[in-house]
Amino acid sequence: MRICYISTMRILIALLCVITLTACQRESASTVEIVERDYLTQLLVDPSKEQIQVINFWATWCVPCVEELPVFVDLDKRDGIDVILISLDNADNSKTVVNPFLEKNEITSTVKLLDDPYAAEWIPLVDVHWDGAIPATLIQKGDKKMFYNKSFTSSELEEEVNKFL
């Protein structure tokens, strides 16, 4: 009887360890990195030749942006696609608003916060027809670029990304 009890306890302890390790392996949420215009310029001028880059401009206060974020996080899990979420929140709010938002919503994609008050100067670098309204998305690979000033559903984004494959 004692041997059965010890074996059962060992199994329960092993099971508890496996559950704990599995829970700890969950992808952790991103933390925002504050960047300046040169980061964006470099991203736009020298796009990846091998990978599709999906660059989404958003903010925590933009309801349509927040609603579509899970679509981009899911897309980021695919091989060969690099999703970069560029927050247009105020840089002063990075630790008090943006990082808690990323953690609460389990955003695991790369997140940058663009700290450049001169939007009229960098917006045309993204697309000359962009009026600055968000959400906005740029998909690029090599020399091919497509700009979208709209929200995406999963199937819509998938369809547009497939044009780059």
Protein backbone atom coordinates (compact mmCIF):
# COMPACT_ATOMS: atom_id res chain seq x y z
CA MET A 1 0.00 0.00 0.00
CA ARG A 2 2.83 2.38 0.92
CA ILE A 3 4.57 1.74 -2.43
CA CYS A 4 1.36 2.60 -4.30
CA TYR A 5 1.04 5.85 -2.31
CA ILE A 6 4.67 6.84 -3.05
CA SER A 7 4.26 6.04 -6.76
CA THR A 8 1.05 8.08 -6.93
CA MET A 9 2.76 11.02 -5.19
CA ARG A 10 5.70 10.86 -7.62
CA ILE A 11 3.32 10.89 -10.57
CA LEU A 12 1.39 13.84 -9.13
CA ILE A 13 4.59 15.80 -8.48
CA ALA A 14 5.88 15.06 -11.99
CA LEU A 15 2.54 16.14 -13.46
CA LEU A 16 2.60 19.35 -11.44
CA CYS A 17 6.13 20.09 -12.70
CA VAL A 18 5.07 19.54 -16.32
CA ILE A 19 2.05 21.83 -15.92
CA THR A 20 4.18 24.53 -14.28
CA LEU A 21 6.85 24.36 -16.99
CA THR A 22 4.25 24.50 -19.75
CA ALA A 23 2.61 27.54 -18.21
CA CYS A 24 5.97 29.30 -17.89
CA GLN A 25 6.77 28.71 -21.57
CA ARG A 26 3.86 30.88 -22.76
CA GLU A 27 5.13 33.69 -24.96
CA SER A 28 5.54 36.81 -22.95
CA ALA A 29 4.08 40.09 -24.08
CA SER A 30 6.25 42.60 -25.88
CA THR A 31 7.46 45.79 -24.35
CA VAL A 32 7.49 48.85 -26.52
CA GLU A 33 10.76 50.28 -27.77
CA ILE A 34 10.76 54.01 -28.45
CA VAL A 35 12.24 54.84 -31.85
CA GLU A 36 12.78 57.98 -33.89
CA ARG A 37 12.22 58.75 -37.54
CA ASP A 38 15.56 57.23 -38.66
CA TYR A 39 14.26 53.79 -37.60
CA LEU A 40 11.16 54.23 -39.76
CA THR A 41 13.20 55.63 -42.65
CA GLN A 42 15.58 52.67 -42.52
CA LEU A 43 12.66 50.25 -42.39
CA LEU A 44 11.09 51.85 -45.47
CA VAL A 45 14.27 52.37 -47.49
CA ASP A 46 15.83 48.97 -46.88
CA PRO A 47 13.02 46.41 -46.71
CA SER A 48 13.80 42.74 -46.31
CA LYS A 49 14.41 40.89 -49.57
CA GLU A 50 13.54 37.49 -48.10
CA GLN A 51 10.74 38.23 -45.68
CA ILE A 52 7.43 39.93 -46.08
CA GLN A 53 7.23 42.89 -43.72
CA VAL A 54 3.83 43.93 -42.43
CA ILE A 55 4.07 47.33 -40.76
CA ASN A 56 0.95 48.41 -38.92
CA PHE A 57 0.46 51.95 -37.58
CA TRP A 58 -1.84 52.01 -34.55
CA ALA A 59 -2.44 53.51 -31.10
CA THR A 60 -3.98 52.31 -27.85
CA TRP A 61 -6.68 55.01 -28.07
CA CYS A 62 -7.76 53.96 -31.59
CA VAL A 63 -10.69 51.52 -31.28
CA PRO A 64 -10.44 50.05 -34.83
CA CYS A 65 -6.67 49.64 -34.33
CA VAL A 66 -7.12 47.73 -31.09
CA GLU A 67 -9.85 45.54 -32.62
CA GLU A 68 -7.58 44.41 -35.46
CA LEU A 69 -4.38 43.82 -33.44
CA PRO A 70 -5.07 40.08 -32.84
CA VAL A 71 -5.11 39.61 -36.62
CA PHE A 72 -1.55 40.96 -36.84
CA VAL A 73 -0.35 38.96 -33.83
CA ASP A 74 -1.68 35.75 -35.44
CA LEU A 75 -0.03 36.65 -38.76
CA ASP A 76 3.27 37.21 -36.96
CA LYS A 77 3.36 33.51 -36.03
CA ARG A 78 3.79 32.51 -39.68
CA ASP A 79 7.27 31.80 -41.02
CA GLY A 80 8.63 34.30 -43.52
CA ILE A 81 6.50 37.19 -42.26
CA ASP A 82 7.83 39.95 -40.03
CA VAL A 83 5.09 41.97 -38.32
CA ILE A 84 6.09 45.33 -36.85
CA LEU A 85 3.49 47.27 -34.90
CA ILE A 86 4.31 50.98 -34.80
CA SER A 87 2.48 52.76 -32.02
CA LEU A 88 1.66 56.41 -32.49
CA ASP A 89 0.88 56.88 -28.80
CA ASN A 90 2.59 59.68 -26.89
CA ALA A 91 6.09 58.53 -25.89
CA ASP A 92 5.47 59.79 -22.33
CA ASN A 93 2.82 57.06 -22.04
CA SER A 94 5.07 54.15 -23.01
CA LYS A 95 5.41 52.75 -19.47
CA THR A 96 2.04 53.78 -18.06
CA VAL A 97 -0.25 53.05 -21.01
CA VAL A 98 1.40 51.16 -23.88
CA ASN A 99 3.35 48.48 -21.98
CA PRO A 100 0.40 47.62 -19.69
CA PHE A 101 -1.82 47.47 -22.80
CA LEU A 102 0.60 45.06 -24.51
CA GLU A 103 0.73 42.84 -21.44
CA LYS A 104 -3.03 42.84 -20.85
CA ASN A 105 -3.72 41.98 -24.49
CA GLU A 106 -0.84 39.48 -24.76
CA ILE A 107 0.69 41.24 -27.77
CA THR A 108 3.83 39.26 -28.65
CA SER A 109 4.74 40.96 -31.94
CA THR A 110 7.53 43.51 -32.31
CA VAL A 111 6.22 46.86 -31.07
CA LYS A 112 7.92 50.21 -31.65
CA LEU A 113 6.64 53.60 -30.52
CA LEU A 114 7.46 56.34 -33.02
CA ASP A 115 8.55 59.44 -31.12
CA ASP A 116 8.47 62.09 -33.83
CA PRO A 117 6.11 65.06 -33.55
CA TYR A 118 6.63 66.08 -37.19
CA ALA A 119 4.13 63.69 -38.75
CA ALA A 120 3.82 65.86 -41.86
CA GLU A 121 7.45 65.01 -42.62
CA TRP A 122 7.41 61.23 -42.09
CA ILE A 123 3.88 60.33 -43.25
CA PRO A 124 4.74 60.85 -46.96
CA LEU A 125 7.68 58.46 -46.52
CA VAL A 126 5.16 55.70 -45.80
CA ASP A 127 2.79 56.68 -48.62
CA VAL A 128 2.35 59.99 -50.43
CA HIS A 129 -1.45 59.64 -50.36
CA TRP A 130 -1.71 58.84 -46.64
CA ASP A 131 -3.49 61.51 -44.62
CA GLY A 132 -2.20 60.15 -41.31
CA ALA A 133 -5.43 58.44 -40.22
CA ILE A 134 -5.02 55.11 -38.46
CA PRO A 135 -5.17 52.18 -38.60
CA ALA A 136 -2.85 52.03 -41.58
CA THR A 137 -0.74 49.16 -42.86
CA LEU A 138 2.19 48.88 -45.22
CA ILE A 139 3.09 45.47 -46.64
CA GLN A 140 6.44 45.23 -48.35
CA LYS A 141 8.97 42.76 -49.65
CA GLY A 142 11.97 43.93 -51.61
CA ASP A 143 10.82 46.56 -54.09
CA LYS A 144 7.12 45.69 -53.89
CA LYS A 145 5.00 47.79 -51.51
CA MET A 146 1.27 48.09 -50.89
CA PHE A 147 -0.29 50.63 -48.53
CA TYR A 148 -3.73 50.28 -46.90
CA ASN A 149 -5.51 52.96 -44.90
CA LYS A 150 -8.16 50.66 -43.40
CA SER A 151 -8.87 48.02 -40.79
CA PHE A 152 -8.30 44.38 -41.65
CA THR A 153 -10.13 41.18 -40.91
CA SER A 154 -8.05 38.04 -40.76
CA SER A 155 -9.12 36.87 -44.21
CA GLU A 156 -8.55 40.30 -45.79
CA LEU A 157 -5.03 40.55 -44.38
CA GLU A 158 -4.26 36.98 -45.39
CA GLU A 159 -5.42 37.73 -48.96
CA GLU A 160 -3.19 40.82 -49.20
CA VAL A 161 -0.14 39.09 -47.73
CA ASN A 162 -0.58 36.19 -50.16
CA LYS A 163 -0.02 38.65 -53.01
CA PHE A 164 3.60 38.86 -51.82
CA LEU A 165 4.24 35.11 -51.78
